[in-house]
Amino acid sequence: MAKSSAKKMREKLVREGRRNPEENRGIYALSDLRTRKTKTKEEVLRKQKHKGRLSKSYDEDNRPIFLL
């Protein structure tokens, strides 16, 4: 695969003893800062696992108990 002209210039600067411009990049240059719009598979499975655990309490006859 061919090299880009920008990569050739960076390699030339390194060969000449100058600082590599790739080292000037900030800490956020390689991180993914996009916000997720949908839930991951793990989050969906966790929701299914815990679904109904905090629901209303029932007595022995499977009738809901209402406290007034």
Protein backbone atom coordinates (compact mmCIF):
# COMPACT_ATOMS: atom_id res chain seq x y z
CA MET A 1 0.00 0.00 0.00
CA ALA A 2 1.26 3.48 -0.85
CA LYS A 3 2.29 6.02 1.78
CA SER A 4 0.54 9.35 2.03
CA SER A 5 2.49 12.51 1.47
CA ALA A 6 1.86 13.60 5.07
CA LYS A 7 3.34 10.35 6.38
CA LYS A 8 6.37 10.78 4.12
CA MET A 9 6.94 14.29 5.51
CA ARG A 10 6.65 13.00 9.11
CA GLU A 11 9.19 10.26 8.43
CA LYS A 12 11.53 12.79 6.83
CA LEU A 13 11.36 15.03 9.92
CA VAL A 14 12.21 12.05 12.16
CA ARG A 15 15.13 11.08 9.92
CA GLU A 16 16.47 14.64 10.12
CA GLY A 17 16.38 14.49 13.90
CA ARG A 18 13.37 16.69 14.49
CA ARG A 19 10.42 15.89 16.72
CA ASN A 20 7.79 13.55 15.34
CA PRO A 21 4.50 15.53 14.99
CA GLU A 22 2.54 12.43 16.09
CA GLU A 23 3.96 12.93 19.59
CA ASN A 24 2.40 16.41 19.77
CA ARG A 25 -1.12 15.00 19.70
CA GLY A 26 -3.19 15.37 22.84
CA ILE A 27 -4.55 12.58 25.00
CA TYR A 28 -7.99 12.87 23.39
CA ALA A 29 -6.74 12.34 19.85
CA LEU A 30 -7.04 8.55 20.00
CA SER A 31 -10.08 8.28 22.25
CA ASP A 32 -13.62 7.84 21.05
CA LEU A 33 -15.68 10.74 22.41
CA ARG A 34 -18.93 9.88 20.63
CA THR A 35 -22.00 9.36 22.75
CA ARG A 36 -23.76 6.02 22.40
CA LYS A 37 -27.37 6.23 21.29
CA THR A 38 -28.38 2.60 21.85
CA LYS A 39 -27.76 0.21 24.72
CA THR A 40 -25.07 -2.41 24.48
CA LYS A 41 -25.84 -6.11 24.59
CA GLU A 42 -24.53 -6.27 28.16
CA GLU A 43 -26.89 -3.52 29.31
CA VAL A 44 -29.89 -5.21 27.66
CA LEU A 45 -29.06 -8.54 29.32
CA ARG A 46 -28.60 -6.87 32.71
CA LYS A 47 -32.01 -5.22 32.38
CA GLN A 48 -33.64 -8.57 31.58
CA LYS A 49 -31.87 -10.26 34.49
CA HIS A 50 -33.10 -7.74 37.05
CA LYS A 51 -36.51 -7.16 35.50
CA GLY A 52 -39.32 -7.42 38.04
CA ARG A 53 -37.16 -7.64 41.14
CA LEU A 54 -38.41 -4.35 42.53
CA SER A 55 -42.05 -4.98 41.70
CA LYS A 56 -44.94 -4.99 44.18
CA SER A 57 -44.91 -7.62 46.88
CA TYR A 58 -47.47 -10.44 46.79
CA ASP A 59 -48.95 -12.58 49.53
CA GLU A 60 -49.25 -16.38 49.50
CA ASP A 61 -52.36 -16.37 47.27
CA ASN A 62 -50.60 -14.31 44.56
CA ARG A 63 -52.78 -11.33 45.37
CA PRO A 64 -51.10 -7.96 45.56
CA ILE A 65 -50.86 -6.40 49.01
CA PHE A 66 -51.91 -2.77 49.18
CA LEU A 67 -50.93 -0.82 52.25
CA LEU A 68 -52.92 2.26 53.14
